[in-house]
PDB file of all heavy atoms in Angstrom:
ATOM      1  N   GLU A   1      51.257   1.383   7.366  1.00  0.00           N
ATOM      2  CA  GLU A   1      50.231   0.793   8.241  1.00  0.00           C
ATOM      3  C   GLU A   1      50.859  -0.098   9.308  1.00  0.00           C
ATOM      4  O   GLU A   1      50.410  -0.108  10.459  1.00  0.00           O
ATOM      5  CB  GLU A   1      49.213   0.009   7.411  1.00  0.00           C
ATOM      6  CG  GLU A   1      48.360   0.867   6.512  1.00  0.00           C
ATOM      7  CD  GLU A   1      47.310   1.682   7.250  1.00  0.00           C
ATOM      8  OE1 GLU A   1      47.046   1.428   8.437  1.00  0.00           O
ATOM      9  OE2 GLU A   1      46.734   2.585   6.624  1.00  0.00           O
ATOM     10  N   LEU A   2      51.888  -0.848   8.955  1.00  0.00           N
ATOM     11  CA  LEU A   2      52.556  -1.698   9.943  1.00  0.00           C
ATOM     12  C   LEU A   2      53.289  -0.869  10.994  1.00  0.00           C
ATOM     13  O   LEU A   2      53.319  -1.251  12.170  1.00  0.00           O
ATOM     14  CB  LEU A   2      53.515  -2.674   9.269  1.00  0.00           C
ATOM     15  CG  LEU A   2      52.844  -3.836   8.550  1.00  0.00           C
ATOM     16  CD1 LEU A   2      53.878  -4.683   7.829  1.00  0.00           C
ATOM     17  CD2 LEU A   2      52.016  -4.683   9.508  1.00  0.00           C
ATOM     18  N   ALA A   3      53.854   0.256  10.601  1.00  0.00           N
ATOM     19  CA  ALA A   3      54.508   1.132  11.584  1.00  0.00           C
ATOM     20  C   ALA A   3      53.495   1.647  12.596  1.00  0.00           C
ATOM     21  O   ALA A   3      53.768   1.683  13.795  1.00  0.00           O
ATOM     22  CB  ALA A   3      55.204   2.293  10.876  1.00  0.00           C
ATOM     23  N   VAL A   4      52.322   2.015  12.113  1.00  0.00           N
ATOM     24  CA  VAL A   4      51.272   2.477  13.022  1.00  0.00           C
ATOM     25  C   VAL A   4      50.806   1.318  13.901  1.00  0.00           C
ATOM     26  O   VAL A   4      50.618   1.481  15.113  1.00  0.00           O
ATOM     27  CB  VAL A   4      50.095   3.093  12.235  1.00  0.00           C
ATOM     28  CG1 VAL A   4      48.942   3.447  13.164  1.00  0.00           C
ATOM     29  CG2 VAL A   4      50.560   4.319  11.462  1.00  0.00           C
ATOM     30  N   LEU A   5      50.623   0.154  13.307  1.00  0.00           N
ATOM     31  CA  LEU A   5      50.210  -1.022  14.075  1.00  0.00           C
ATOM     32  C   LEU A   5      51.223  -1.330  15.177  1.00  0.00           C
ATOM     33  O   LEU A   5      50.850  -1.572  16.328  1.00  0.00           O
ATOM     34  CB  LEU A   5      50.059  -2.226  13.148  1.00  0.00           C
ATOM     35  CG  LEU A   5      49.575  -3.511  13.807  1.00  0.00           C
ATOM     36  CD1 LEU A   5      48.075  -3.448  14.070  1.00  0.00           C
ATOM     37  CD2 LEU A   5      49.901  -4.709  12.938  1.00  0.00           C
ATOM     38  N   GLU A   6      52.500  -1.297  14.835  1.00  0.00           N
ATOM     39  CA  GLU A   6      53.542  -1.602  15.814  1.00  0.00           C
ATOM     40  C   GLU A   6      53.592  -0.558  16.920  1.00  0.00           C
ATOM     41  O   GLU A   6      53.867  -0.880  18.077  1.00  0.00           O
ATOM     42  CB  GLU A   6      54.887  -1.755  15.110  1.00  0.00           C
ATOM     43  CG  GLU A   6      54.935  -3.024  14.282  1.00  0.00           C
ATOM     44  CD  GLU A   6      56.098  -3.095  13.310  1.00  0.00           C
ATOM     45  OE1 GLU A   6      56.934  -2.171  13.280  1.00  0.00           O
ATOM     46  OE2 GLU A   6      56.152  -4.084  12.563  1.00  0.00           O
ATOM     47  N   ALA A   7      53.299   0.692  16.594  1.00  0.00           N
ATOM     48  CA  ALA A   7      53.253   1.735  17.629  1.00  0.00           C
ATOM     49  C   ALA A   7      52.094   1.500  18.583  1.00  0.00           C
ATOM     50  O   ALA A   7      52.165   1.866  19.758  1.00  0.00           O
ATOM     51  CB  ALA A   7      53.135   3.112  16.979  1.00  0.00           C
ATOM     52  N   THR A   8      51.047   0.866  18.097  1.00  0.00           N
ATOM     53  CA  THR A   8      49.878   0.557  18.923  1.00  0.00           C
ATOM     54  C   THR A   8      50.140  -0.654  19.817  1.00  0.00           C
ATOM     55  O   THR A   8      49.498  -0.816  20.847  1.00  0.00           O
ATOM     56  CB  THR A   8      48.662   0.295  18.013  1.00  0.00           C
ATOM     57  OG1 THR A   8      48.493   1.421  17.153  1.00  0.00           O
ATOM     58  CG2 THR A   8      47.402   0.100  18.808  1.00  0.00           C
ATOM     59  N   ASP A   9      51.096  -1.475  19.448  1.00  0.00           N
ATOM     60  CA  ASP A   9      51.447  -2.679  20.214  1.00  0.00           C
ATOM     61  C   ASP A   9      52.303  -2.283  21.415  1.00  0.00           C
ATOM     62  O   ASP A   9      53.511  -2.467  21.429  1.00  0.00           O
ATOM     63  CB  ASP A   9      52.187  -3.661  19.306  1.00  0.00           C
ATOM     64  CG  ASP A   9      52.572  -4.949  20.005  1.00  0.00           C
ATOM     65  OD1 ASP A   9      52.063  -5.223  21.108  1.00  0.00           O
ATOM     66  OD2 ASP A   9      53.399  -5.683  19.438  1.00  0.00           O
ATOM     67  N   THR A  10      51.667  -1.741  22.432  1.00  0.00           N
ATOM     68  CA  THR A  10      52.391  -1.161  23.564  1.00  0.00           C
ATOM     69  C   THR A  10      53.135  -2.192  24.411  1.00  0.00           C
ATOM     70  O   THR A  10      54.109  -1.853  25.073  1.00  0.00           O
ATOM     71  CB  THR A  10      51.441  -0.358  24.462  1.00  0.00           C
ATOM     72  OG1 THR A  10      50.354  -1.199  24.874  1.00  0.00           O
ATOM     73  CG2 THR A  10      50.889   0.854  23.711  1.00  0.00           C
ATOM     74  N   ASP A  11      52.692  -3.449  24.398  1.00  0.00           N
ATOM     75  CA  ASP A  11      53.405  -4.459  25.187  1.00  0.00           C
ATOM     76  C   ASP A  11      54.388  -5.271  24.343  1.00  0.00           C
ATOM     77  O   ASP A  11      54.991  -6.226  24.818  1.00  0.00           O
ATOM     78  CB  ASP A  11      52.435  -5.373  25.934  1.00  0.00           C
ATOM     79  CG  ASP A  11      51.531  -6.167  25.013  1.00  0.00           C
ATOM     80  OD1 ASP A  11      51.648  -6.034  23.775  1.00  0.00           O
ATOM     81  OD2 ASP A  11      50.688  -6.922  25.535  1.00  0.00           O
ATOM     82  N   ASN A  12      54.532  -4.895  23.068  1.00  0.00           N
ATOM     83  CA  ASN A  12      55.497  -5.512  22.160  1.00  0.00           C
ATOM     84  C   ASN A  12      55.375  -7.029  22.046  1.00  0.00           C
ATOM     85  O   ASN A  12      56.380  -7.725  21.938  1.00  0.00           O
ATOM     86  CB  ASN A  12      56.927  -5.136  22.561  1.00  0.00           C
ATOM     87  CG  ASN A  12      57.163  -3.652  22.441  1.00  0.00           C
ATOM     88  OD1 ASN A  12      56.775  -3.046  21.453  1.00  0.00           O
ATOM     89  ND2 ASN A  12      57.768  -3.073  23.457  1.00  0.00           N
ATOM     90  N   ASP A  13      54.137  -7.518  22.037  1.00  0.00           N
ATOM     91  CA  ASP A  13      53.955  -8.958  21.897  1.00  0.00           C
ATOM     92  C   ASP A  13      53.653  -9.381  20.457  1.00  0.00           C
ATOM     93  O   ASP A  13      53.390 -10.541  20.182  1.00  0.00           O
ATOM     94  CB  ASP A  13      52.869  -9.473  22.838  1.00  0.00           C
ATOM     95  CG  ASP A  13      51.488  -8.938  22.513  1.00  0.00           C
ATOM     96  OD1 ASP A  13      51.361  -8.071  21.630  1.00  0.00           O
ATOM     97  OD2 ASP A  13      50.518  -9.383  23.162  1.00  0.00           O
ATOM     98  N   GLY A  14      53.696  -8.409  19.534  1.00  0.00           N
ATOM     99  CA  GLY A  14      53.509  -8.730  18.128  1.00  0.00           C
ATOM    100  C   GLY A  14      52.069  -8.843  17.692  1.00  0.00           C
ATOM    101  O   GLY A  14      51.793  -9.275  16.572  1.00  0.00           O
ATOM    102  N   GLN A  15      51.154  -8.469  18.555  1.00  0.00           N
ATOM    103  CA  GLN A  15      49.741  -8.519  18.205  1.00  0.00           C
ATOM    104  C   GLN A  15      48.996  -7.395  18.907  1.00  0.00           C
ATOM    105  O   GLN A  15      49.489  -6.829  19.870  1.00  0.00           O
ATOM    106  CB  GLN A  15      49.141  -9.876  18.541  1.00  0.00           C
ATOM    107  CG  GLN A  15      49.310 -10.286  19.987  1.00  0.00           C
ATOM    108  CD  GLN A  15      48.895 -11.725  20.221  1.00  0.00           C
ATOM    109  OE1 GLN A  15      48.623 -12.465  19.286  1.00  0.00           O
ATOM    110  NE2 GLN A  15      48.835 -12.124  21.470  1.00  0.00           N
ATOM    111  N   ILE A  16      47.811  -7.080  18.403  1.00  0.00           N
ATOM    112  CA  ILE A  16      47.020  -5.985  18.944  1.00  0.00           C
ATOM    113  C   ILE A  16      45.764  -6.554  19.589  1.00  0.00           C
ATOM    114  O   ILE A  16      45.013  -7.308  18.959  1.00  0.00           O
ATOM    115  CB  ILE A  16      46.622  -4.997  17.824  1.00  0.00           C
ATOM    116  CG1 ILE A  16      47.853  -4.464  17.112  1.00  0.00           C
ATOM    117  CG2 ILE A  16      45.744  -3.871  18.346  1.00  0.00           C
ATOM    118  CD1 ILE A  16      48.809  -3.717  18.005  1.00  0.00           C
ATOM    119  N   SER A  17      45.537  -6.169  20.826  1.00  0.00           N
ATOM    120  CA  SER A  17      44.327  -6.600  21.520  1.00  0.00           C
ATOM    121  C   SER A  17      43.135  -5.786  21.049  1.00  0.00           C
ATOM    122  O   SER A  17      43.288  -4.718  20.444  1.00  0.00           O
ATOM    123  CB  SER A  17      44.489  -6.410  23.032  1.00  0.00           C
ATOM    124  OG  SER A  17      44.531  -5.017  23.341  1.00  0.00           O
ATOM    125  N   LEU A  18      41.955  -6.258  21.356  1.00  0.00           N
ATOM    126  CA  LEU A  18      40.747  -5.522  21.014  1.00  0.00           C
ATOM    127  C   LEU A  18      40.745  -4.151  21.687  1.00  0.00           C
ATOM    128  O   LEU A  18      40.413  -3.143  21.053  1.00  0.00           O
ATOM    129  CB  LEU A  18      39.501  -6.310  21.418  1.00  0.00           C
ATOM    130  CG  LEU A  18      38.159  -5.596  21.226  1.00  0.00           C
ATOM    131  CD1 LEU A  18      37.953  -5.172  19.778  1.00  0.00           C
ATOM    132  CD2 LEU A  18      37.028  -6.491  21.707  1.00  0.00           C
ATOM    133  N   ALA A  19      41.155  -4.089  22.946  1.00  0.00           N
ATOM    134  CA  ALA A  19      41.173  -2.809  23.666  1.00  0.00           C
ATOM    135  C   ALA A  19      42.103  -1.808  22.994  1.00  0.00           C
ATOM    136  O   ALA A  19      41.747  -0.637  22.812  1.00  0.00           O
ATOM    137  CB  ALA A  19      41.593  -3.033  25.116  1.00  0.00           C
ATOM    138  N   ALA A  20      43.291  -2.260  22.590  1.00  0.00           N
ATOM    139  CA  ALA A  20      44.237  -1.367  21.919  1.00  0.00           C
ATOM    140  C   ALA A  20      43.680  -0.925  20.563  1.00  0.00           C
ATOM    141  O   ALA A  20      43.818   0.236  20.177  1.00  0.00           O
ATOM    142  CB  ALA A  20      45.591  -2.049  21.739  1.00  0.00           C
ATOM    143  N   TRP A  21      43.046  -1.847  19.847  1.00  0.00           N
ATOM    144  CA  TRP A  21      42.446  -1.523  18.553  1.00  0.00           C
ATOM    145  C   TRP A  21      41.362  -0.451  18.714  1.00  0.00           C
ATOM    146  O   TRP A  21      41.322   0.521  17.961  1.00  0.00           O
ATOM    147  CB  TRP A  21      41.860  -2.776  17.915  1.00  0.00           C
ATOM    148  CG  TRP A  21      41.135  -2.514  16.632  1.00  0.00           C
ATOM    149  CD1 TRP A  21      39.782  -2.371  16.471  1.00  0.00           C
ATOM    150  CD2 TRP A  21      41.703  -2.344  15.339  1.00  0.00           C
ATOM    151  NE1 TRP A  21      39.487  -2.132  15.161  1.00  0.00           N
ATOM    152  CE2 TRP A  21      40.648  -2.109  14.442  1.00  0.00           C
ATOM    153  CE3 TRP A  21      43.005  -2.367  14.850  1.00  0.00           C
ATOM    154  CZ2 TRP A  21      40.849  -1.900  13.077  1.00  0.00           C
ATOM    155  CZ3 TRP A  21      43.211  -2.162  13.499  1.00  0.00           C
ATOM    156  CH2 TRP A  21      42.148  -1.935  12.625  1.00  0.00           C
ATOM    157  N   LEU A  22      40.487  -0.652  19.688  1.00  0.00           N
ATOM    158  CA  LEU A  22      39.401   0.306  19.898  1.00  0.00           C
ATOM    159  C   LEU A  22      39.943   1.688  20.249  1.00  0.00           C
ATOM    160  O   LEU A  22      39.436   2.706  19.756  1.00  0.00           O
ATOM    161  CB  LEU A  22      38.448  -0.196  20.975  1.00  0.00           C
ATOM    162  CG  LEU A  22      37.637  -1.444  20.616  1.00  0.00           C
ATOM    163  CD1 LEU A  22      36.819  -1.913  21.817  1.00  0.00           C
ATOM    164  CD2 LEU A  22      36.752  -1.205  19.400  1.00  0.00           C
ATOM    165  N   THR A  23      40.983   1.734  21.071  1.00  0.00           N
ATOM    166  CA  THR A  23      41.598   3.017  21.428  1.00  0.00           C
ATOM    167  C   THR A  23      42.172   3.693  20.186  1.00  0.00           C
ATOM    168  O   THR A  23      41.970   4.889  19.962  1.00  0.00           O
ATOM    169  CB  THR A  23      42.705   2.802  22.480  1.00  0.00           C
ATOM    170  OG1 THR A  23      42.108   2.234  23.652  1.00  0.00           O
ATOM    171  CG2 THR A  23      43.400   4.101  22.829  1.00  0.00           C
ATOM    172  N   TRP A  24      42.874   2.932  19.359  1.00  0.00           N
ATOM    173  CA  TRP A  24      43.479   3.462  18.134  1.00  0.00           C
ATOM    174  C   TRP A  24      42.405   3.982  17.183  1.00  0.00           C
ATOM    175  O   TRP A  24      42.504   5.091  16.648  1.00  0.00           O
ATOM    176  CB  TRP A  24      44.320   2.369  17.491  1.00  0.00           C
ATOM    177  CG  TRP A  24      44.929   2.675  16.161  1.00  0.00           C
ATOM    178  CD1 TRP A  24      45.162   3.910  15.612  1.00  0.00           C
ATOM    179  CD2 TRP A  24      45.385   1.737  15.199  1.00  0.00           C
ATOM    180  NE1 TRP A  24      45.747   3.780  14.373  1.00  0.00           N
ATOM    181  CE2 TRP A  24      45.895   2.457  14.098  1.00  0.00           C
ATOM    182  CE3 TRP A  24      45.425   0.350  15.165  1.00  0.00           C
ATOM    183  CZ2 TRP A  24      46.427   1.834  12.979  1.00  0.00           C
ATOM    184  CZ3 TRP A  24      45.971  -0.268  14.053  1.00  0.00           C
ATOM    185  CH2 TRP A  24      46.469   0.462  12.976  1.00  0.00           C
ATOM    186  N   GLN A  25      41.368   3.175  16.980  1.00  0.00           N
ATOM    187  CA  GLN A  25      40.328   3.563  16.033  1.00  0.00           C
ATOM    188  C   GLN A  25      39.507   4.752  16.536  1.00  0.00           C
ATOM    189  O   GLN A  25      39.100   5.613  15.756  1.00  0.00           O
ATOM    190  CB  GLN A  25      39.427   2.374  15.706  1.00  0.00           C
ATOM    191  CG  GLN A  25      40.163   1.218  15.055  1.00  0.00           C
ATOM    192  CD  GLN A  25      41.009   1.640  13.873  1.00  0.00           C
ATOM    193  OE1 GLN A  25      40.509   2.222  12.916  1.00  0.00           O
ATOM    194  NE2 GLN A  25      42.305   1.352  13.921  1.00  0.00           N
ATOM    195  N   GLU A  26      39.298   4.810  17.836  1.00  0.00           N
ATOM    196  CA  GLU A  26      38.597   5.960  18.413  1.00  0.00           C
ATOM    197  C   GLU A  26      39.398   7.240  18.174  1.00  0.00           C
ATOM    198  O   GLU A  26      38.838   8.289  17.840  1.00  0.00           O
ATOM    199  CB  GLU A  26      38.365   5.756  19.906  1.00  0.00           C
ATOM    200  CG  GLU A  26      37.632   6.908  20.563  1.00  0.00           C
ATOM    201  CD  GLU A  26      37.464   6.712  22.062  1.00  0.00           C
ATOM    202  OE1 GLU A  26      37.395   5.558  22.518  1.00  0.00           O
ATOM    203  OE2 GLU A  26      37.405   7.730  22.780  1.00  0.00           O
ATOM    204  N   ALA A  27      40.713   7.149  18.322  1.00  0.00           N
ATOM    205  CA  ALA A  27      41.575   8.309  18.077  1.00  0.00           C
ATOM    206  C   ALA A  27      41.489   8.761  16.622  1.00  0.00           C
ATOM    207  O   ALA A  27      41.654   9.935  16.325  1.00  0.00           O
ATOM    208  CB  ALA A  27      43.023   7.974  18.446  1.00  0.00           C
ATOM    209  N   LYS A  28      41.201   7.838  15.720  1.00  0.00           N
ATOM    210  CA  LYS A  28      41.042   8.162  14.301  1.00  0.00           C
ATOM    211  C   LYS A  28      39.633   8.660  13.979  1.00  0.00           C
ATOM    212  O   LYS A  28      39.365   9.065  12.857  1.00  0.00           O
ATOM    213  CB  LYS A  28      41.334   6.927  13.448  1.00  0.00           C
ATOM    214  CG  LYS A  28      42.787   6.537  13.425  1.00  0.00           C
ATOM    215  CD  LYS A  28      43.065   5.221  12.718  1.00  0.00           C
ATOM    216  CE  LYS A  28      42.241   4.905  11.519  1.00  0.00           C
ATOM    217  NZ  LYS A  28      42.566   3.613  10.891  1.00  0.00           N
ATOM    218  N   GLY A  29      38.723   8.584  14.958  1.00  0.00           N
ATOM    219  CA  GLY A  29      37.365   9.076  14.746  1.00  0.00           C
ATOM    220  C   GLY A  29      36.351   8.015  14.366  1.00  0.00           C
ATOM    221  O   GLY A  29      35.211   8.333  14.030  1.00  0.00           O
ATOM    222  N   LEU A  30      36.731   6.753  14.416  1.00  0.00           N
ATOM    223  CA  LEU A  30      35.815   5.668  14.084  1.00  0.00           C
ATOM    224  C   LEU A  30      34.946   5.350  15.300  1.00  0.00           C
ATOM    225  O   LEU A  30      35.439   5.331  16.430  1.00  0.00           O
ATOM    226  CB  LEU A  30      36.614   4.432  13.668  1.00  0.00           C
ATOM    227  CG  LEU A  30      35.873   3.330  12.914  1.00  0.00           C
ATOM    228  CD1 LEU A  30      35.318   3.844  11.590  1.00  0.00           C
ATOM    229  CD2 LEU A  30      36.811   2.163  12.655  1.00  0.00           C
ATOM    230  N   SER A  31      33.678   5.092  15.073  1.00  0.00           N
ATOM    231  CA  SER A  31      32.788   4.759  16.191  1.00  0.00           C
ATOM    232  C   SER A  31      33.173   3.386  16.753  1.00  0.00           C
ATOM    233  O   SER A  31      33.738   2.548  16.049  1.00  0.00           O
ATOM    234  CB  SER A  31      31.333   4.731  15.732  1.00  0.00           C
ATOM    235  OG  SER A  31      31.090   3.601  14.908  1.00  0.00           O
ATOM    236  N   GLN A  32      32.835   3.163  18.007  1.00  0.00           N
ATOM    237  CA  GLN A  32      33.172   1.887  18.634  1.00  0.00           C
ATOM    238  C   GLN A  32      32.497   0.709  17.926  1.00  0.00           C
ATOM    239  O   GLN A  32      33.162  -0.311  17.679  1.00  0.00           O
ATOM    240  CB  GLN A  32      32.832   1.894  20.120  1.00  0.00           C
ATOM    241  CG  GLN A  32      33.347   0.656  20.818  1.00  0.00           C
ATOM    242  CD  GLN A  32      33.269   0.745  22.326  1.00  0.00           C
ATOM    243  OE1 GLN A  32      32.766   1.716  22.880  1.00  0.00           O
ATOM    244  NE2 GLN A  32      33.764  -0.254  22.998  1.00  0.00           N
ATOM    245  N   PRO A  33      31.207   0.797  17.565  1.00  0.00           N
ATOM    246  CA  PRO A  33      30.610  -0.335  16.831  1.00  0.00           C
ATOM    247  C   PRO A  33      31.304  -0.619  15.497  1.00  0.00           C
ATOM    248  O   PRO A  33      31.527  -1.772  15.144  1.00  0.00           O
ATOM    249  CB  PRO A  33      29.157   0.103  16.618  1.00  0.00           C
ATOM    250  CG  PRO A  33      28.887   1.090  17.711  1.00  0.00           C
ATOM    251  CD  PRO A  33      30.194   1.798  17.928  1.00  0.00           C
ATOM    252  N   ASP A  34      31.675   0.439  14.766  1.00  0.00           N
ATOM    253  CA  ASP A  34      32.373   0.234  13.495  1.00  0.00           C
ATOM    254  C   ASP A  34      33.765  -0.353  13.718  1.00  0.00           C
ATOM    255  O   ASP A  34      34.205  -1.230  12.972  1.00  0.00           O
ATOM    256  CB  ASP A  34      32.483   1.543  12.718  1.00  0.00           C
ATOM    257  CG  ASP A  34      31.150   1.983  12.125  1.00  0.00           C
ATOM    258  OD1 ASP A  34      30.218   1.158  12.035  1.00  0.00           O
ATOM    259  OD2 ASP A  34      31.044   3.177  11.758  1.00  0.00           O
ATOM    260  N   ALA A  35      34.449   0.120  14.744  1.00  0.00           N
ATOM    261  CA  ALA A  35      35.788  -0.395  15.057  1.00  0.00           C
ATOM    262  C   ALA A  35      35.713  -1.866  15.471  1.00  0.00           C
ATOM    263  O   ALA A  35      36.558  -2.671  15.069  1.00  0.00           O
ATOM    264  CB  ALA A  35      36.434   0.439  16.152  1.00  0.00           C
ATOM    265  N   LEU A  36      34.705  -2.213  16.244  1.00  0.00           N
ATOM    266  CA  LEU A  36      34.533  -3.603  16.665  1.00  0.00           C
ATOM    267  C   LEU A  36      34.234  -4.490  15.466  1.00  0.00           C
ATOM    268  O   LEU A  36      34.813  -5.573  15.321  1.00  0.00           O
ATOM    269  CB  LEU A  36      33.410  -3.710  17.702  1.00  0.00           C
ATOM    270  CG  LEU A  36      33.096  -5.109  18.200  1.00  0.00           C
ATOM    271  CD1 LEU A  36      34.317  -5.770  18.829  1.00  0.00           C
ATOM    272  CD2 LEU A  36      31.946  -5.055  19.195  1.00  0.00           C
ATOM    273  N   ARG A  37      33.373  -4.030  14.594  1.00  0.00           N
ATOM    274  CA  ARG A  37      33.034  -4.794  13.387  1.00  0.00           C
ATOM    275  C   ARG A  37      34.289  -5.013  12.525  1.00  0.00           C
ATOM    276  O   ARG A  37      34.543  -6.120  12.039  1.00  0.00           O
ATOM    277  CB  ARG A  37      31.955  -4.029  12.620  1.00  0.00           C
ATOM    278  CG  ARG A  37      31.223  -4.804  11.599  1.00  0.00           C
ATOM    279  CD  ARG A  37      29.981  -4.125  11.013  1.00  0.00           C
ATOM    280  NE  ARG A  37      29.836  -2.688  11.219  1.00  0.00           N
ATOM    281  CZ  ARG A  37      29.077  -2.126  12.183  1.00  0.00           C
ATOM    282  NH1 ARG A  37      28.418  -2.875  13.041  1.00  0.00           N
ATOM    283  NH2 ARG A  37      28.978  -0.815  12.275  1.00  0.00           N
ATOM    284  N   GLU A  38      35.088  -3.960  12.367  1.00  0.00           N
ATOM    285  CA  GLU A  38      36.313  -4.080  11.567  1.00  0.00           C
ATOM    286  C   GLU A  38      37.295  -5.056  12.226  1.00  0.00           C
ATOM    287  O   GLU A  38      37.904  -5.898  11.555  1.00  0.00           O
ATOM    288  CB  GLU A  38      36.957  -2.713  11.378  1.00  0.00           C
ATOM    289  CG  GLU A  38      38.131  -2.740  10.425  1.00  0.00           C
ATOM    290  CD  GLU A  38      38.664  -1.352  10.121  1.00  0.00           C
ATOM    291  OE1 GLU A  38      38.781  -0.534  11.050  1.00  0.00           O
ATOM    292  OE2 GLU A  38      38.974  -1.106   8.949  1.00  0.00           O
ATOM    293  N   PHE A  39      37.449  -4.968  13.553  1.00  0.00           N
ATOM    294  CA  PHE A  39      38.331  -5.883  14.276  1.00  0.00           C
ATOM    295  C   PHE A  39      37.921  -7.329  14.011  1.00  0.00           C
ATOM    296  O   PHE A  39      38.764  -8.183  13.730  1.00  0.00           O
ATOM    297  CB  PHE A  39      38.286  -5.583  15.778  1.00  0.00           C
ATOM    298  CG  PHE A  39      39.223  -6.432  16.591  1.00  0.00           C
ATOM    299  CD1 PHE A  39      40.506  -5.993  16.868  1.00  0.00           C
ATOM    300  CD2 PHE A  39      38.829  -7.665  17.091  1.00  0.00           C
ATOM    301  CE1 PHE A  39      41.381  -6.765  17.619  1.00  0.00           C
ATOM    302  CE2 PHE A  39      39.685  -8.442  17.843  1.00  0.00           C
ATOM    303  CZ  PHE A  39      40.969  -7.990  18.109  1.00  0.00           C
ATOM    304  N   GLN A  40      36.622  -7.590  14.101  1.00  0.00           N
ATOM    305  CA  GLN A  40      36.132  -8.959  13.904  1.00  0.00           C
ATOM    306  C   GLN A  40      36.381  -9.446  12.481  1.00  0.00           C
ATOM    307  O   GLN A  40      36.657 -10.626  12.269  1.00  0.00           O
ATOM    308  CB  GLN A  40      34.645  -9.027  14.256  1.00  0.00           C
ATOM    309  CG  GLN A  40      34.413  -8.844  15.739  1.00  0.00           C
ATOM    310  CD  GLN A  40      32.952  -8.620  16.102  1.00  0.00           C
ATOM    311  OE1 GLN A  40      32.165  -8.132  15.293  1.00  0.00           O
ATOM    312  NE2 GLN A  40      32.598  -8.963  17.325  1.00  0.00           N
ATOM    313  N   GLN A  41      36.333  -8.547  11.507  1.00  0.00           N
ATOM    314  CA  GLN A  41      36.622  -8.930  10.121  1.00  0.00           C
ATOM    315  C   GLN A  41      38.109  -9.237   9.938  1.00  0.00           C
ATOM    316  O   GLN A  41      38.465 -10.158   9.201  1.00  0.00           O
ATOM    317  CB  GLN A  41      36.224  -7.802   9.171  1.00  0.00           C
ATOM    318  CG  GLN A  41      34.735  -7.594   9.058  1.00  0.00           C
ATOM    319  CD  GLN A  41      34.379  -6.339   8.286  1.00  0.00           C
ATOM    320  OE1 GLN A  41      35.241  -5.509   7.984  1.00  0.00           O
ATOM    321  NE2 GLN A  41      33.104  -6.175   7.973  1.00  0.00           N
TER     322      GLN A  41
END
């Protein structure tokens, strides 16, 4: 999971923005509302 997270960290700042998270989760087939809810958790 960390390898996937790090691949999503395109600017290499050690953290994932909401926009990057939504893009990643959409690629996995998760709806935007569900991805947003998960991000907030």
